[in-house]
Amino acid sequence: MAVKLKALADPVRLRLFSAIASHAGGEACVCDVSAGLEVSQPTVSHHLKVLRDAGLLTSERRASWVYYAVVPDALASLSVLLGAVADTVGLPA
């Protein structure tokens, strides 16, 4: 779990993860999620690789594009962890 949290600690990676999770169809390519970010496309690809290596994203090559999707189990485990933290510190649900 620490690897996942470390990967999401970077603001760019958190924005990418959120963009993919909320993208129509549940998946997105680099061109879909790089718009609006003030980093180069190779940097976006690097951040996506970090998220994939942390087990947060899957990737699938289709022709010349790579599509990324959030790993459902990763999202569920993050939700449980953050819910437990909120309960521990007394935050409302």
C-alpha atoms as a PDB file:
ATOM      1  CA  MET A   1       0.000   0.000   0.000  1.00  0.00           C
ATOM      2  CA  ALA A   2       2.906   2.362   0.702  1.00  0.00           C
ATOM      3  CA  VAL A   3       4.024   2.112  -2.934  1.00  0.00           C
ATOM      4  CA  LYS A   4       0.550   3.139  -4.106  1.00  0.00           C
ATOM      5  CA  LEU A   5       0.394   6.078  -1.715  1.00  0.00           C
ATOM      6  CA  LYS A   6       3.896   7.188  -2.685  1.00  0.00           C
ATOM      7  CA  ALA A   7       2.922   7.095  -6.367  1.00  0.00           C
ATOM      8  CA  LEU A   8      -0.152   9.224  -5.648  1.00  0.00           C
ATOM      9  CA  ALA A   9       1.805  11.689  -3.500  1.00  0.00           C
ATOM     10  CA  ASP A  10       2.956  13.537  -6.618  1.00  0.00           C
ATOM     11  CA  PRO A  11       0.351  16.170  -7.652  1.00  0.00           C
ATOM     12  CA  VAL A  12       0.711  15.414 -11.374  1.00  0.00           C
ATOM     13  CA  ARG A  13       0.224  11.681 -10.821  1.00  0.00           C
ATOM     14  CA  LEU A  14      -2.779  12.303  -8.581  1.00  0.00           C
ATOM     15  CA  ARG A  15      -4.354  14.472 -11.304  1.00  0.00           C
ATOM     16  CA  LEU A  16      -3.632  11.824 -13.944  1.00  0.00           C
ATOM     17  CA  PHE A  17      -5.084   9.047 -11.780  1.00  0.00           C
ATOM     18  CA  SER A  18      -8.196  11.114 -11.104  1.00  0.00           C
ATOM     19  CA  ALA A  19      -8.594  12.027 -14.779  1.00  0.00           C
ATOM     20  CA  ILE A  20      -8.397   8.392 -15.861  1.00  0.00           C
ATOM     21  CA  ALA A  21     -10.736   7.215 -13.092  1.00  0.00           C
ATOM     22  CA  SER A  22     -13.366   9.772 -14.115  1.00  0.00           C
ATOM     23  CA  HIS A  23     -12.873   9.523 -17.895  1.00  0.00           C
ATOM     24  CA  ALA A  24     -15.794   8.280 -19.978  1.00  0.00           C
ATOM     25  CA  GLY A  25     -15.477   4.546 -20.496  1.00  0.00           C
ATOM     26  CA  GLY A  26     -13.086   4.199 -17.569  1.00  0.00           C
ATOM     27  CA  GLU A  27      -9.984   4.369 -19.725  1.00  0.00           C
ATOM     28  CA  ALA A  28      -7.931   7.047 -21.441  1.00  0.00           C
ATOM     29  CA  CYS A  29      -4.869   7.460 -23.621  1.00  0.00           C
ATOM     30  CA  VAL A  30      -2.025   9.901 -23.012  1.00  0.00           C
ATOM     31  CA  CYS A  31      -3.570  12.380 -25.441  1.00  0.00           C
ATOM     32  CA  ASP A  32      -6.816  12.370 -23.399  1.00  0.00           C
ATOM     33  CA  VAL A  33      -5.241  13.109 -20.028  1.00  0.00           C
ATOM     34  CA  SER A  34      -2.284  15.311 -20.933  1.00  0.00           C
ATOM     35  CA  ALA A  35      -4.450  18.272 -21.938  1.00  0.00           C
ATOM     36  CA  GLY A  36      -4.352  20.933 -19.258  1.00  0.00           C
ATOM     37  CA  LEU A  37      -1.174  19.649 -17.630  1.00  0.00           C
ATOM     38  CA  GLU A  38       1.849  21.893 -17.816  1.00  0.00           C
ATOM     39  CA  VAL A  39       4.269  19.039 -18.441  1.00  0.00           C
ATOM     40  CA  SER A  40       5.520  17.468 -21.662  1.00  0.00           C
ATOM     41  CA  GLN A  41       3.999  14.321 -23.141  1.00  0.00           C
ATOM     42  CA  PRO A  42       7.119  12.250 -22.282  1.00  0.00           C
ATOM     43  CA  THR A  43       6.798  13.422 -18.664  1.00  0.00           C
ATOM     44  CA  VAL A  44       3.124  12.405 -18.643  1.00  0.00           C
ATOM     45  CA  SER A  45       4.129   8.993 -19.991  1.00  0.00           C
ATOM     46  CA  HIS A  46       6.732   8.655 -17.225  1.00  0.00           C
ATOM     47  CA  HIS A  47       4.149   9.483 -14.541  1.00  0.00           C
ATOM     48  CA  LEU A  48       1.719   6.965 -16.051  1.00  0.00           C
ATOM     49  CA  LYS A  49       4.464   4.315 -15.923  1.00  0.00           C
ATOM     50  CA  VAL A  50       5.023   5.033 -12.218  1.00  0.00           C
ATOM     51  CA  LEU A  51       1.282   4.622 -11.583  1.00  0.00           C
ATOM     52  CA  ARG A  52       1.245   1.397 -13.609  1.00  0.00           C
ATOM     53  CA  ASP A  53       4.300   0.013 -11.795  1.00  0.00           C
ATOM     54  CA  ALA A  54       2.606   0.809  -8.460  1.00  0.00           C
ATOM     55  CA  GLY A  55      -0.344  -1.368  -9.467  1.00  0.00           C
ATOM     56  CA  LEU A  56      -2.780   1.523  -9.799  1.00  0.00           C
ATOM     57  CA  LEU A  57      -3.234   1.418 -13.588  1.00  0.00           C
ATOM     58  CA  THR A  58      -3.307  -1.156 -16.340  1.00  0.00           C
ATOM     59  CA  SER A  59      -2.250  -0.381 -19.886  1.00  0.00           C
ATOM     60  CA  GLU A  60      -3.194  -1.792 -23.260  1.00  0.00           C
ATOM     61  CA  ARG A  61      -1.593  -0.916 -26.592  1.00  0.00           C
ATOM     62  CA  ARG A  62      -4.003  -0.381 -29.479  1.00  0.00           C
ATOM     63  CA  ALA A  63      -2.252   0.440 -32.729  1.00  0.00           C
ATOM     64  CA  SER A  64      -0.077   3.470 -31.947  1.00  0.00           C
ATOM     65  CA  TRP A  65      -1.907   4.442 -28.727  1.00  0.00           C
ATOM     66  CA  VAL A  66      -1.615   3.127 -25.186  1.00  0.00           C
ATOM     67  CA  TYR A  67      -4.820   3.196 -23.153  1.00  0.00           C
ATOM     68  CA  TYR A  68      -4.745   3.287 -19.352  1.00  0.00           C
ATOM     69  CA  ALA A  69      -7.429   2.168 -16.899  1.00  0.00           C
ATOM     70  CA  VAL A  70      -7.634   2.216 -13.106  1.00  0.00           C
ATOM     71  CA  VAL A  71      -7.224  -1.178 -11.436  1.00  0.00           C
ATOM     72  CA  PRO A  72     -10.584  -1.691  -9.640  1.00  0.00           C
ATOM     73  CA  ASP A  73      -9.017  -3.507  -6.669  1.00  0.00           C
ATOM     74  CA  ALA A  74      -6.521  -0.671  -6.207  1.00  0.00           C
ATOM     75  CA  LEU A  75      -9.295   1.907  -6.111  1.00  0.00           C
ATOM     76  CA  ALA A  76     -11.282  -0.180  -3.638  1.00  0.00           C
ATOM     77  CA  SER A  77      -8.311  -0.707  -1.304  1.00  0.00           C
ATOM     78  CA  LEU A  78      -7.471   3.019  -1.369  1.00  0.00           C
ATOM     79  CA  SER A  79     -11.083   3.806  -0.521  1.00  0.00           C
ATOM     80  CA  VAL A  80     -11.036   1.421   2.455  1.00  0.00           C
ATOM     81  CA  LEU A  81      -7.729   2.828   3.699  1.00  0.00           C
ATOM     82  CA  LEU A  82      -8.839   6.447   3.427  1.00  0.00           C
ATOM     83  CA  GLY A  83     -12.143   5.588   5.111  1.00  0.00           C
ATOM     84  CA  ALA A  84     -10.264   3.977   8.008  1.00  0.00           C
ATOM     85  CA  VAL A  85      -8.025   7.030   8.331  1.00  0.00           C
ATOM     86  CA  ALA A  86     -11.072   9.318   8.346  1.00  0.00           C
ATOM     87  CA  ASP A  87     -12.689   7.181  11.067  1.00  0.00           C
ATOM     88  CA  THR A  88      -9.500   7.235  13.129  1.00  0.00           C
ATOM     89  CA  VAL A  89      -9.182  11.007  13.093  1.00  0.00           C
ATOM     90  CA  GLY A  90     -12.918  11.557  13.456  1.00  0.00           C
ATOM     91  CA  LEU A  91     -13.716  13.064  10.065  1.00  0.00           C
ATOM     92  CA  PRO A  92     -17.330  12.844   8.870  1.00  0.00           C
ATOM     93  CA  ALA A  93     -18.036  10.285   6.146  1.00  0.00           C
END
